[in-house]
Amino acid sequence: MTDAKATVVVIDDDPNVRASVGRLLRSLDLDTQLFASIADFLRSDRPDGPTCLVLDVRLPGQSGLDLQRKLAAANSELPIIFVTGHGDIPMSVQAMKEGAIEFLTKPFRDQDLLDAIQVGLSRDRARRENEMALADLSERFASLSKREREIMIQVARGRLSKQIAGDIGIAESTVKVHRSKVMRKMKARSLPELGRIADKLKLVPDKPQRS
């Protein structure tokens, strides 16, 4: 995951801006995809690695703000940096309120753009790593037996081995054996860590009740 090459996607209908930004990013060894319209972007394949979108506000057809709303509706967390030659305060406020990293007015300084891109790529890299970690936890949980899952959830709720044994009608020693297997399979070094894993997997929707 950490070795995946970062990509910056640029959508701007000004060929001079696309060429200039493309040269700047390639000089820093960043993979770059350049598009003249949102339609062209939507027809393309999404990059595999960390990605950041440099997006013009005013474009033929759909606007940059339209694309921001469409991506949000699709639960896409692609970091967006808006650039525009016609920006105004209400427009920038709307863009930032809906999650944009930066709103730059043309002509912008190269360093301002690069700083914003660095923030965007770091954010997307962290999101991807979190998703991978959660997928790994989900696979570990799926490897548990039905009884082990039941006991893990009870432990995460703060139930003691004796209480769990009484709840499900098995010996306390058997609960402890299952709990030990759960700890090993989930790679949890302590009960609090197992509780944090359960929280990440949303196994216990309500606040744990400690007895």
N, C-alpha and C. Protein backbone atom coordinates (compact mmCIF):
# COMPACT_ATOMS: atom_id res chain seq x y z
N MET A 1 0.82 -1.20 0.00
CA MET A 1 0.00 0.00 0.00
C MET A 1 0.86 1.25 0.00
N THR A 2 1.88 1.31 0.87
CA THR A 2 2.70 2.50 0.97
C THR A 2 3.56 2.69 -0.26
N ASP A 3 3.77 1.60 -1.07
CA ASP A 3 4.60 1.70 -2.26
C ASP A 3 3.81 2.14 -3.48
N ALA A 4 2.48 2.24 -3.38
CA ALA A 4 1.66 2.62 -4.53
C ALA A 4 2.02 4.04 -4.96
N LYS A 5 2.16 4.22 -6.27
CA LYS A 5 2.56 5.51 -6.81
C LYS A 5 1.41 6.50 -6.72
N ALA A 6 1.73 7.71 -6.28
CA ALA A 6 0.71 8.75 -6.15
C ALA A 6 0.37 9.33 -7.52
N THR A 7 -0.89 9.70 -7.70
CA THR A 7 -1.36 10.27 -8.95
C THR A 7 -2.14 11.55 -8.67
N VAL A 8 -1.88 12.56 -9.49
CA VAL A 8 -2.66 13.79 -9.42
C VAL A 8 -3.49 13.89 -10.68
N VAL A 9 -4.80 14.02 -10.51
CA VAL A 9 -5.72 14.17 -11.64
C VAL A 9 -6.04 15.65 -11.79
N VAL A 10 -5.86 16.17 -12.98
CA VAL A 10 -6.13 17.59 -13.25
C VAL A 10 -7.27 17.69 -14.26
N ILE A 11 -8.34 18.41 -13.89
CA ILE A 11 -9.45 18.65 -14.82
C ILE A 11 -9.57 20.16 -15.03
N ASP A 12 -9.19 20.62 -16.22
CA ASP A 12 -9.22 22.05 -16.53
C ASP A 12 -9.38 22.20 -18.03
N ASP A 13 -10.32 23.04 -18.46
CA ASP A 13 -10.55 23.18 -19.90
C ASP A 13 -9.56 24.12 -20.57
N ASP A 14 -8.66 24.75 -19.81
CA ASP A 14 -7.62 25.61 -20.38
C ASP A 14 -6.40 24.75 -20.69
N PRO A 15 -6.08 24.55 -21.99
CA PRO A 15 -4.95 23.68 -22.33
C PRO A 15 -3.62 24.17 -21.78
N ASN A 16 -3.47 25.50 -21.67
CA ASN A 16 -2.22 26.05 -21.14
C ASN A 16 -2.05 25.70 -19.67
N VAL A 17 -3.15 25.79 -18.90
CA VAL A 17 -3.09 25.43 -17.48
C VAL A 17 -2.79 23.94 -17.34
N ARG A 18 -3.48 23.11 -18.12
CA ARG A 18 -3.24 21.66 -18.04
C ARG A 18 -1.78 21.34 -18.33
N ALA A 19 -1.24 21.95 -19.37
CA ALA A 19 0.14 21.66 -19.76
C ALA A 19 1.11 22.15 -18.69
N SER A 20 0.86 23.33 -18.16
CA SER A 20 1.76 23.91 -17.15
C SER A 20 1.76 23.08 -15.87
N VAL A 21 0.57 22.75 -15.38
CA VAL A 21 0.47 21.96 -14.16
C VAL A 21 1.04 20.56 -14.39
N GLY A 22 0.78 20.00 -15.57
CA GLY A 22 1.31 18.68 -15.89
C GLY A 22 2.83 18.67 -15.85
N ARG A 23 3.47 19.68 -16.43
CA ARG A 23 4.94 19.76 -16.41
C ARG A 23 5.46 19.88 -14.98
N LEU A 24 4.80 20.71 -14.19
CA LEU A 24 5.21 20.91 -12.81
C LEU A 24 5.17 19.59 -12.02
N LEU A 25 4.08 18.86 -12.16
CA LEU A 25 3.92 17.64 -11.38
C LEU A 25 4.84 16.52 -11.86
N ARG A 26 5.01 16.43 -13.17
CA ARG A 26 5.91 15.39 -13.69
C ARG A 26 7.35 15.67 -13.30
N SER A 27 7.70 16.95 -13.13
CA SER A 27 9.06 17.29 -12.71
C SER A 27 9.34 16.79 -11.30
N LEU A 28 8.27 16.53 -10.54
CA LEU A 28 8.40 16.00 -9.18
C LEU A 28 8.13 14.50 -9.14
N ASP A 29 8.11 13.88 -10.33
CA ASP A 29 7.92 12.43 -10.45
C ASP A 29 6.56 11.98 -9.94
N LEU A 30 5.55 12.83 -10.13
CA LEU A 30 4.17 12.47 -9.78
C LEU A 30 3.44 12.03 -11.05
N ASP A 31 2.80 10.86 -10.99
CA ASP A 31 1.96 10.46 -12.12
C ASP A 31 0.84 11.48 -12.27
N THR A 32 0.54 11.84 -13.50
CA THR A 32 -0.45 12.88 -13.74
C THR A 32 -1.42 12.47 -14.83
N GLN A 33 -2.71 12.68 -14.58
CA GLN A 33 -3.73 12.47 -15.59
C GLN A 33 -4.40 13.81 -15.87
N LEU A 34 -4.44 14.19 -17.14
CA LEU A 34 -4.97 15.50 -17.52
C LEU A 34 -6.26 15.33 -18.32
N PHE A 35 -7.29 16.08 -17.93
CA PHE A 35 -8.59 16.01 -18.62
C PHE A 35 -9.11 17.42 -18.89
N ALA A 36 -9.80 17.56 -20.03
CA ALA A 36 -10.37 18.86 -20.40
C ALA A 36 -11.80 19.02 -19.89
N SER A 37 -12.41 17.92 -19.46
CA SER A 37 -13.80 17.99 -18.99
C SER A 37 -14.07 16.91 -17.97
N ILE A 38 -15.15 17.09 -17.24
CA ILE A 38 -15.57 16.09 -16.25
C ILE A 38 -16.01 14.81 -16.96
N ALA A 39 -16.65 14.95 -18.11
CA ALA A 39 -17.10 13.77 -18.86
C ALA A 39 -15.91 12.88 -19.21
N ASP A 40 -14.81 13.49 -19.65
CA ASP A 40 -13.61 12.71 -19.98
C ASP A 40 -13.08 11.99 -18.74
N PHE A 41 -13.09 12.69 -17.61
CA PHE A 41 -12.62 12.08 -16.37
C PHE A 41 -13.48 10.90 -15.96
N LEU A 42 -14.80 11.05 -16.04
CA LEU A 42 -15.70 9.99 -15.61
C LEU A 42 -15.61 8.76 -16.50
N ARG A 43 -15.15 8.93 -17.73
CA ARG A 43 -14.98 7.79 -18.64
C ARG A 43 -13.66 7.05 -18.40
N SER A 44 -12.79 7.63 -17.59
CA SER A 44 -11.45 7.06 -17.38
C SER A 44 -11.45 6.08 -16.21
N ASP A 45 -10.37 5.30 -16.12
CA ASP A 45 -10.17 4.40 -14.99
C ASP A 45 -9.55 5.16 -13.84
N ARG A 46 -10.01 4.88 -12.63
CA ARG A 46 -9.48 5.54 -11.43
C ARG A 46 -8.08 5.00 -11.12
N PRO A 47 -7.13 5.85 -10.76
CA PRO A 47 -5.79 5.38 -10.40
C PRO A 47 -5.83 4.40 -9.23
N ASP A 48 -4.83 3.52 -9.18
CA ASP A 48 -4.80 2.50 -8.13
C ASP A 48 -4.22 3.01 -6.82
N GLY A 49 -3.35 4.01 -6.88
CA GLY A 49 -2.67 4.49 -5.68
C GLY A 49 -3.33 5.73 -5.09
N PRO A 50 -2.66 6.35 -4.12
CA PRO A 50 -3.16 7.60 -3.53
C PRO A 50 -3.40 8.64 -4.63
N THR A 51 -4.52 9.32 -4.54
CA THR A 51 -4.93 10.23 -5.61
C THR A 51 -5.44 11.54 -5.05
N CYS A 52 -5.18 12.60 -5.80
CA CYS A 52 -5.68 13.94 -5.46
C CYS A 52 -6.21 14.57 -6.73
N LEU A 53 -7.28 15.34 -6.62
CA LEU A 53 -7.93 15.94 -7.79
C LEU A 53 -7.75 17.46 -7.77
N VAL A 54 -7.15 17.98 -8.83
CA VAL A 54 -7.06 19.43 -9.04
C VAL A 54 -8.16 19.78 -10.03
N LEU A 55 -9.13 20.55 -9.59
CA LEU A 55 -10.39 20.69 -10.33
C LEU A 55 -10.75 22.16 -10.57
N ASP A 56 -10.93 22.49 -11.84
CA ASP A 56 -11.39 23.83 -12.18
C ASP A 56 -12.87 23.95 -11.80
N VAL A 57 -13.27 25.13 -11.36
CA VAL A 57 -14.66 25.32 -10.96
C VAL A 57 -15.57 25.42 -12.18
N ARG A 58 -15.19 26.29 -13.13
CA ARG A 58 -16.03 26.51 -14.31
C ARG A 58 -15.52 25.64 -15.46
N LEU A 59 -16.37 24.71 -15.88
CA LEU A 59 -16.02 23.78 -16.95
C LEU A 59 -17.20 23.64 -17.90
N PRO A 60 -16.94 23.24 -19.15
CA PRO A 60 -18.06 23.00 -20.07
C PRO A 60 -18.91 21.84 -19.58
N GLY A 61 -20.22 21.99 -19.63
CA GLY A 61 -21.09 20.94 -19.11
C GLY A 61 -21.19 21.05 -17.60
N GLN A 62 -20.84 20.00 -16.88
CA GLN A 62 -20.89 20.01 -15.42
C GLN A 62 -19.79 20.90 -14.86
N SER A 63 -20.09 21.57 -13.75
CA SER A 63 -19.08 22.39 -13.09
C SER A 63 -18.28 21.55 -12.10
N GLY A 64 -17.18 22.12 -11.63
CA GLY A 64 -16.39 21.44 -10.62
C GLY A 64 -17.18 21.18 -9.35
N LEU A 65 -18.04 22.12 -8.98
CA LEU A 65 -18.87 21.94 -7.79
C LEU A 65 -19.89 20.82 -7.99
N ASP A 66 -20.37 20.67 -9.24
CA ASP A 66 -21.28 19.56 -9.54
C ASP A 66 -20.57 18.22 -9.33
N LEU A 67 -19.33 18.14 -9.78
CA LEU A 67 -18.57 16.90 -9.61
C LEU A 67 -18.30 16.63 -8.14
N GLN A 68 -18.00 17.67 -7.38
CA GLN A 68 -17.77 17.49 -5.94
C GLN A 68 -19.00 16.87 -5.28
N ARG A 69 -20.19 17.38 -5.63
CA ARG A 69 -21.43 16.84 -5.06
C ARG A 69 -21.67 15.40 -5.52
N LYS A 70 -21.37 15.12 -6.79
CA LYS A 70 -21.57 13.76 -7.32
C LYS A 70 -20.65 12.77 -6.62
N LEU A 71 -19.40 13.15 -6.40
CA LEU A 71 -18.46 12.27 -5.72
C LEU A 71 -18.89 12.04 -4.27
N ALA A 72 -19.38 13.10 -3.63
CA ALA A 72 -19.84 12.96 -2.25
C ALA A 72 -21.04 12.02 -2.16
N ALA A 73 -21.94 12.13 -3.12
CA ALA A 73 -23.13 11.27 -3.14
C ALA A 73 -22.74 9.81 -3.35
N ALA A 74 -21.61 9.58 -4.02
CA ALA A 74 -21.13 8.22 -4.28
C ALA A 74 -20.20 7.74 -3.16
N ASN A 75 -20.15 8.52 -2.07
CA ASN A 75 -19.28 8.20 -0.92
C ASN A 75 -17.81 8.13 -1.30
N SER A 76 -17.43 8.88 -2.33
CA SER A 76 -16.02 8.96 -2.70
C SER A 76 -15.35 10.04 -1.85
N GLU A 77 -14.20 9.69 -1.30
CA GLU A 77 -13.48 10.65 -0.45
C GLU A 77 -12.25 11.19 -1.17
N LEU A 78 -12.32 11.27 -2.48
CA LEU A 78 -11.22 11.78 -3.28
C LEU A 78 -10.92 13.24 -2.89
N PRO A 79 -9.71 13.53 -2.41
CA PRO A 79 -9.38 14.91 -2.00
C PRO A 79 -9.42 15.85 -3.21
N ILE A 80 -10.04 17.01 -3.02
CA ILE A 80 -10.22 17.96 -4.13
C ILE A 80 -9.58 19.30 -3.80
N ILE A 81 -8.82 19.83 -4.78
CA ILE A 81 -8.28 21.19 -4.72
C ILE A 81 -8.92 21.96 -5.87
N PHE A 82 -9.66 22.98 -5.54
CA PHE A 82 -10.30 23.79 -6.58
C PHE A 82 -9.36 24.88 -7.06
N VAL A 83 -9.37 25.12 -8.37
CA VAL A 83 -8.67 26.26 -8.95
C VAL A 83 -9.66 26.99 -9.86
N THR A 84 -9.58 28.29 -9.88
CA THR A 84 -10.53 29.04 -10.70
C THR A 84 -10.00 30.43 -11.02
N GLY A 85 -10.43 30.92 -12.16
CA GLY A 85 -10.10 32.30 -12.52
C GLY A 85 -11.27 33.22 -12.24
N HIS A 86 -12.36 32.67 -11.72
CA HIS A 86 -13.58 33.45 -11.50
C HIS A 86 -14.16 33.19 -10.12
N GLY A 87 -13.32 32.95 -9.15
CA GLY A 87 -13.82 32.58 -7.83
C GLY A 87 -14.43 33.76 -7.08
N ASP A 88 -15.32 33.47 -6.19
CA ASP A 88 -15.84 34.48 -5.28
C ASP A 88 -15.96 33.84 -3.90
N ILE A 89 -16.19 34.66 -2.90
CA ILE A 89 -16.19 34.16 -1.53
C ILE A 89 -17.28 33.12 -1.28
N PRO A 90 -18.54 33.36 -1.69
CA PRO A 90 -19.57 32.33 -1.46
C PRO A 90 -19.21 30.99 -2.10
N MET A 91 -18.63 31.05 -3.31
CA MET A 91 -18.26 29.81 -4.00
C MET A 91 -17.17 29.07 -3.24
N SER A 92 -16.18 29.80 -2.76
CA SER A 92 -15.08 29.17 -2.03
C SER A 92 -15.56 28.61 -0.69
N VAL A 93 -16.45 29.35 -0.04
CA VAL A 93 -17.01 28.87 1.24
C VAL A 93 -17.78 27.57 1.02
N GLN A 94 -18.59 27.52 -0.04
CA GLN A 94 -19.36 26.32 -0.34
C GLN A 94 -18.43 25.14 -0.60
N ALA A 95 -17.40 25.37 -1.40
CA ALA A 95 -16.47 24.29 -1.74
C ALA A 95 -15.76 23.76 -0.51
N MET A 96 -15.29 24.65 0.36
CA MET A 96 -14.57 24.23 1.55
C MET A 96 -15.50 23.54 2.54
N LYS A 97 -16.74 24.04 2.63
CA LYS A 97 -17.72 23.44 3.55
C LYS A 97 -18.01 22.00 3.15
N GLU A 98 -17.95 21.73 1.84
CA GLU A 98 -18.24 20.38 1.35
C GLU A 98 -16.99 19.52 1.26
N GLY A 99 -15.88 19.99 1.85
CA GLY A 99 -14.73 19.12 2.02
C GLY A 99 -13.51 19.40 1.17
N ALA A 100 -13.53 20.45 0.35
CA ALA A 100 -12.35 20.75 -0.46
C ALA A 100 -11.15 21.09 0.43
N ILE A 101 -9.97 20.72 -0.04
CA ILE A 101 -8.75 20.99 0.72
C ILE A 101 -8.34 22.45 0.58
N GLU A 102 -8.45 22.97 -0.65
CA GLU A 102 -8.00 24.35 -0.91
C GLU A 102 -8.80 24.92 -2.06
N PHE A 103 -8.85 26.24 -2.11
CA PHE A 103 -9.54 26.95 -3.19
C PHE A 103 -8.58 28.03 -3.67
N LEU A 104 -7.93 27.80 -4.82
CA LEU A 104 -6.89 28.70 -5.32
C LEU A 104 -7.41 29.49 -6.51
N THR A 105 -7.10 30.77 -6.49
CA THR A 105 -7.51 31.64 -7.59
C THR A 105 -6.36 31.80 -8.58
N LYS A 106 -6.64 31.62 -9.86
CA LYS A 106 -5.63 31.78 -10.90
C LYS A 106 -5.29 33.27 -11.07
N PRO A 107 -4.02 33.60 -11.32
CA PRO A 107 -2.87 32.70 -11.33
C PRO A 107 -2.41 32.40 -9.90
N PHE A 108 -2.17 31.15 -9.60
CA PHE A 108 -1.75 30.76 -8.25
C PHE A 108 -0.25 30.44 -8.25
N ARG A 109 0.34 30.49 -7.08
CA ARG A 109 1.74 30.13 -6.95
C ARG A 109 1.90 28.63 -7.02
N ASP A 110 2.94 28.19 -7.72
CA ASP A 110 3.20 26.75 -7.82
C ASP A 110 3.30 26.12 -6.44
N GLN A 111 3.97 26.81 -5.51
CA GLN A 111 4.17 26.22 -4.19
C GLN A 111 2.86 26.06 -3.44
N ASP A 112 1.94 27.01 -3.62
CA ASP A 112 0.63 26.88 -2.97
C ASP A 112 -0.11 25.64 -3.47
N LEU A 113 -0.02 25.41 -4.79
CA LEU A 113 -0.66 24.22 -5.35
C LEU A 113 0.01 22.95 -4.84
N LEU A 114 1.34 22.94 -4.84
CA LEU A 114 2.07 21.76 -4.39
C LEU A 114 1.81 21.46 -2.91
N ASP A 115 1.72 22.50 -2.10
CA ASP A 115 1.42 22.29 -0.68
C ASP A 115 0.06 21.63 -0.50
N ALA A 116 -0.92 22.13 -1.26
CA ALA A 116 -2.28 21.58 -1.16
C ALA A 116 -2.31 20.14 -1.67
N ILE A 117 -1.58 19.86 -2.74
CA ILE A 117 -1.52 18.51 -3.28
C ILE A 117 -0.90 17.55 -2.27
N GLN A 118 0.14 18.01 -1.59
CA GLN A 118 0.78 17.16 -0.58
C GLN A 118 -0.20 16.78 0.53
N VAL A 119 -1.00 17.77 0.96
CA VAL A 119 -2.02 17.50 1.98
C VAL A 119 -3.03 16.48 1.45
N GLY A 120 -3.47 16.67 0.20
CA GLY A 120 -4.46 15.78 -0.38
C GLY A 120 -3.95 14.36 -0.53
N LEU A 121 -2.72 14.20 -1.01
CA LEU A 121 -2.17 12.86 -1.20
C LEU A 121 -1.94 12.18 0.15
N SER A 122 -1.49 12.94 1.13
CA SER A 122 -1.29 12.36 2.47
C SER A 122 -2.61 11.89 3.05
N ARG A 123 -3.65 12.69 2.85
CA ARG A 123 -4.98 12.33 3.36
C ARG A 123 -5.50 11.08 2.67
N ASP A 124 -5.33 10.99 1.35
CA ASP A 124 -5.83 9.83 0.63
C ASP A 124 -5.01 8.59 0.96
N ARG A 125 -3.72 8.78 1.16
CA ARG A 125 -2.86 7.64 1.54
C ARG A 125 -3.30 7.08 2.90
N ALA A 126 -3.57 7.97 3.84
CA ALA A 126 -4.02 7.53 5.17
C ALA A 126 -5.37 6.83 5.08
N ARG A 127 -6.28 7.35 4.26
CA ARG A 127 -7.60 6.72 4.09
C ARG A 127 -7.46 5.31 3.54
N ARG A 128 -6.61 5.15 2.53
CA ARG A 128 -6.42 3.84 1.91
C ARG A 128 -5.81 2.85 2.91
N GLU A 129 -4.84 3.32 3.70
CA GLU A 129 -4.23 2.46 4.70
C GLU A 129 -5.24 2.04 5.76
N ASN A 130 -6.11 2.96 6.16
CA ASN A 130 -7.15 2.63 7.13
C ASN A 130 -8.12 1.60 6.57
N GLU A 131 -8.48 1.75 5.30
CA GLU A 131 -9.39 0.80 4.67
C GLU A 131 -8.77 -0.59 4.58
N MET A 132 -7.47 -0.63 4.28
CA MET A 132 -6.78 -1.91 4.21
C MET A 132 -6.72 -2.57 5.58
N ALA A 133 -6.44 -1.76 6.60
CA ALA A 133 -6.37 -2.30 7.97
C ALA A 133 -7.73 -2.83 8.41
N LEU A 134 -8.81 -2.10 8.06
CA LEU A 134 -10.15 -2.55 8.42
C LEU A 134 -10.51 -3.84 7.68
N ALA A 135 -10.11 -3.94 6.42
CA ALA A 135 -10.38 -5.16 5.65
C ALA A 135 -9.65 -6.35 6.28
N ASP A 136 -8.43 -6.11 6.77
CA ASP A 136 -7.67 -7.17 7.42
C ASP A 136 -8.36 -7.63 8.70
N LEU A 137 -8.85 -6.66 9.50
CA LEU A 137 -9.58 -7.01 10.72
C LEU A 137 -10.85 -7.80 10.39
N SER A 138 -11.53 -7.40 9.33
CA SER A 138 -12.76 -8.10 8.93
C SER A 138 -12.46 -9.54 8.54
N GLU A 139 -11.34 -9.75 7.85
CA GLU A 139 -10.96 -11.11 7.47
C GLU A 139 -10.64 -11.95 8.71
N ARG A 140 -9.97 -11.35 9.67
CA ARG A 140 -9.67 -12.08 10.90
C ARG A 140 -10.96 -12.46 11.63
N PHE A 141 -11.89 -11.52 11.71
CA PHE A 141 -13.16 -11.80 12.39
C PHE A 141 -13.92 -12.91 11.67
N ALA A 142 -13.86 -12.89 10.33
CA ALA A 142 -14.55 -13.92 9.55
C ALA A 142 -13.95 -15.30 9.80
N SER A 143 -12.69 -15.34 10.23
CA SER A 143 -12.03 -16.63 10.47
C SER A 143 -12.45 -17.26 11.80
N LEU A 144 -13.14 -16.49 12.66
CA LEU A 144 -13.57 -17.01 13.95
C LEU A 144 -14.76 -17.95 13.77
N SER A 145 -14.88 -18.90 14.68
CA SER A 145 -16.07 -19.76 14.68
C SER A 145 -17.26 -18.95 15.19
N LYS A 146 -18.45 -19.49 15.01
CA LYS A 146 -19.65 -18.80 15.48
C LYS A 146 -19.58 -18.54 16.99
N ARG A 147 -19.12 -19.53 17.73
CA ARG A 147 -19.01 -19.37 19.19
C ARG A 147 -17.96 -18.33 19.55
N GLU A 148 -16.84 -18.32 18.82
CA GLU A 148 -15.78 -17.35 19.11
C GLU A 148 -16.26 -15.93 18.83
N ARG A 149 -17.02 -15.76 17.76
CA ARG A 149 -17.56 -14.42 17.47
C ARG A 149 -18.49 -13.97 18.59
N GLU A 150 -19.34 -14.90 19.04
CA GLU A 150 -20.29 -14.59 20.11
C GLU A 150 -19.53 -14.15 21.37
N ILE A 151 -18.49 -14.87 21.70
CA ILE A 151 -17.73 -14.54 22.91
C ILE A 151 -16.94 -13.24 22.74
N MET A 152 -16.41 -13.00 21.54
CA MET A 152 -15.70 -11.74 21.32
C MET A 152 -16.63 -10.54 21.54
N ILE A 153 -17.84 -10.64 21.03
CA ILE A 153 -18.80 -9.55 21.19
C ILE A 153 -19.15 -9.35 22.67
N GLN A 154 -19.33 -10.44 23.38
CA GLN A 154 -19.63 -10.35 24.82
C GLN A 154 -18.46 -9.72 25.58
N VAL A 155 -17.25 -10.14 25.24
CA VAL A 155 -16.06 -9.55 25.89
C VAL A 155 -15.99 -8.06 25.60
N ALA A 156 -16.26 -7.69 24.35
CA ALA A 156 -16.21 -6.28 23.96
C ALA A 156 -17.27 -5.46 24.70
N ARG A 157 -18.35 -6.11 25.12
CA ARG A 157 -19.40 -5.42 25.87
C ARG A 157 -19.04 -5.27 27.35
N GLY A 158 -17.88 -5.83 27.72
CA GLY A 158 -17.44 -5.70 29.09
C GLY A 158 -17.88 -6.83 30.01
N ARG A 159 -18.41 -7.91 29.43
CA ARG A 159 -18.86 -9.04 30.24
C ARG A 159 -17.66 -9.87 30.70
N LEU A 160 -17.70 -10.33 31.94
CA LEU A 160 -16.65 -11.19 32.48
C LEU A 160 -16.88 -12.63 32.03
N SER A 161 -15.81 -13.44 32.09
CA SER A 161 -15.92 -14.84 31.64
C SER A 161 -17.03 -15.57 32.38
N LYS A 162 -17.15 -15.34 33.68
CA LYS A 162 -18.18 -16.00 34.48
C LYS A 162 -19.58 -15.59 34.01
N GLN A 163 -19.73 -14.31 33.69
CA GLN A 163 -21.03 -13.83 33.22
C GLN A 163 -21.36 -14.40 31.85
N ILE A 164 -20.35 -14.44 30.97
CA ILE A 164 -20.57 -14.98 29.63
C ILE A 164 -20.98 -16.45 29.71
N ALA A 165 -20.28 -17.19 30.61
CA ALA A 165 -20.60 -18.61 30.78
C ALA A 165 -22.05 -18.79 31.20
N GLY A 166 -22.50 -17.96 32.13
CA GLY A 166 -23.88 -18.04 32.57
C GLY A 166 -24.86 -17.66 31.49
N ASP A 167 -24.49 -16.66 30.68
CA ASP A 167 -25.38 -16.19 29.61
C ASP A 167 -25.63 -17.26 28.56
N ILE A 168 -24.56 -17.97 28.17
CA ILE A 168 -24.71 -18.89 27.04
C ILE A 168 -24.70 -20.36 27.45
N GLY A 169 -24.57 -20.60 28.76
CA GLY A 169 -24.72 -21.96 29.28
C GLY A 169 -23.56 -22.89 29.02
N ILE A 170 -22.33 -22.39 29.15
CA ILE A 170 -21.16 -23.25 29.04
C ILE A 170 -20.25 -22.98 30.24
N ALA A 171 -19.24 -23.84 30.43
CA ALA A 171 -18.34 -23.69 31.57
C ALA A 171 -17.47 -22.46 31.42
N GLU A 172 -17.13 -21.83 32.53
CA GLU A 172 -16.27 -20.65 32.51
C GLU A 172 -14.91 -20.99 31.88
N SER A 173 -14.39 -22.18 32.17
CA SER A 173 -13.11 -22.58 31.59
C SER A 173 -13.19 -22.65 30.06
N THR A 174 -14.35 -23.06 29.55
CA THR A 174 -14.54 -23.13 28.10
C THR A 174 -14.56 -21.73 27.49
N VAL A 175 -15.19 -20.80 28.20
CA VAL A 175 -15.19 -19.41 27.74
C VAL A 175 -13.76 -18.89 27.64
N LYS A 176 -12.95 -19.20 28.64
CA LYS A 176 -11.57 -18.72 28.65
C LYS A 176 -10.75 -19.31 27.51
N VAL A 177 -11.03 -20.57 27.18
CA VAL A 177 -10.33 -21.19 26.05
C VAL A 177 -10.72 -20.49 24.75
N HIS A 178 -12.02 -20.26 24.57
CA HIS A 178 -12.48 -19.56 23.36
C HIS A 178 -11.92 -18.13 23.30
N ARG A 179 -11.90 -17.47 24.44
CA ARG A 179 -11.39 -16.09 24.48
C ARG A 179 -9.92 -16.05 24.09
N SER A 180 -9.18 -17.05 24.55
CA SER A 180 -7.76 -17.13 24.20
C SER A 180 -7.58 -17.31 22.69
N LYS A 181 -8.43 -18.14 22.10
CA LYS A 181 -8.36 -18.35 20.65
C LYS A 181 -8.72 -17.07 19.90
N VAL A 182 -9.72 -16.37 20.42
CA VAL A 182 -10.12 -15.10 19.80
C VAL A 182 -8.96 -14.10 19.83
N MET A 183 -8.31 -13.98 20.97
CA MET A 183 -7.19 -13.06 21.10
C MET A 183 -6.10 -13.39 20.09
N ARG A 184 -5.81 -14.69 19.95
CA ARG A 184 -4.75 -15.11 19.03
C ARG A 184 -5.15 -14.84 17.58
N LYS A 185 -6.35 -15.23 17.20
CA LYS A 185 -6.78 -15.05 15.81
C LYS A 185 -6.93 -13.58 15.44
N MET A 186 -7.37 -12.75 16.39
CA MET A 186 -7.54 -11.32 16.12
C MET A 186 -6.25 -10.55 16.33
N LYS A 187 -5.21 -11.24 16.81
CA LYS A 187 -3.90 -10.62 17.05
C LYS A 187 -4.01 -9.46 18.04
N ALA A 188 -4.84 -9.66 19.04
CA ALA A 188 -5.03 -8.65 20.10
C ALA A 188 -4.14 -9.01 21.28
N ARG A 189 -3.34 -8.06 21.74
CA ARG A 189 -2.40 -8.33 22.83
C ARG A 189 -3.02 -8.12 24.20
N SER A 190 -4.20 -7.54 24.25
CA SER A 190 -4.86 -7.29 25.53
C SER A 190 -6.36 -7.18 25.29
N LEU A 191 -7.12 -7.27 26.38
CA LEU A 191 -8.57 -7.12 26.25
C LEU A 191 -8.97 -5.72 25.78
N PRO A 192 -8.30 -4.65 26.29
CA PRO A 192 -8.65 -3.32 25.75
C PRO A 192 -8.40 -3.22 24.25
N GLU A 193 -7.33 -3.84 23.77
CA GLU A 193 -7.07 -3.81 22.32
C GLU A 193 -8.16 -4.58 21.57
N LEU A 194 -8.60 -5.69 22.14
CA LEU A 194 -9.70 -6.44 21.52
C LEU A 194 -10.96 -5.59 21.47
N GLY A 195 -11.17 -4.80 22.52
CA GLY A 195 -12.32 -3.90 22.55
C GLY A 195 -12.23 -2.84 21.46
N ARG A 196 -11.01 -2.32 21.23
CA ARG A 196 -10.83 -1.31 20.18
C ARG A 196 -11.07 -1.91 18.80
N ILE A 197 -10.63 -3.17 18.63
CA ILE A 197 -10.88 -3.85 17.36
C ILE A 197 -12.39 -4.01 17.13
N ALA A 198 -13.10 -4.41 18.19
CA ALA A 198 -14.56 -4.56 18.08
C ALA A 198 -15.22 -3.23 17.72
N ASP A 199 -14.71 -2.14 18.29
CA ASP A 199 -15.25 -0.81 17.96
C ASP A 199 -15.05 -0.50 16.48
N LYS A 200 -13.84 -0.80 15.96
CA LYS A 200 -13.55 -0.53 14.55
C LYS A 200 -14.45 -1.35 13.63
N LEU A 201 -14.77 -2.55 14.07
CA LEU A 201 -15.64 -3.42 13.27
C LEU A 201 -17.12 -3.16 13.53
N LYS A 202 -17.39 -2.22 14.46
CA LYS A 202 -18.77 -1.85 14.81
C LYS A 202 -19.57 -3.07 15.27
N LEU A 203 -18.93 -3.90 16.09
CA LEU A 203 -19.59 -5.10 16.60
C LEU A 203 -20.50 -4.79 17.77
N VAL A 204 -20.19 -3.69 18.47
CA VAL A 204 -20.97 -3.32 19.65
C VAL A 204 -21.50 -1.91 19.43
N PRO A 205 -22.69 -1.76 18.87
CA PRO A 205 -23.21 -0.43 18.55
C PRO A 205 -23.43 0.46 19.75
N ASP A 206 -23.81 -0.13 20.87
CA ASP A 206 -24.07 0.67 22.07
C ASP A 206 -22.79 0.78 22.89
N LYS A 207 -22.75 1.79 23.75
CA LYS A 207 -21.61 1.98 24.63
C LYS A 207 -21.47 0.76 25.54
N PRO A 208 -20.24 0.16 25.63
CA PRO A 208 -20.06 -1.02 26.45
C PRO A 208 -20.50 -0.80 27.88
N GLN A 209 -21.15 -1.81 28.43
CA GLN A 209 -21.59 -1.76 29.82
C GLN A 209 -20.61 -2.55 30.69
N ARG A 210 -19.89 -1.89 31.58
CA ARG A 210 -18.95 -2.56 32.44
C ARG A 210 -19.63 -3.03 33.72
N SER A 211 -19.40 -4.28 34.10
CA SER A 211 -20.00 -4.82 35.31
C SER A 211 -18.93 -5.06 36.36
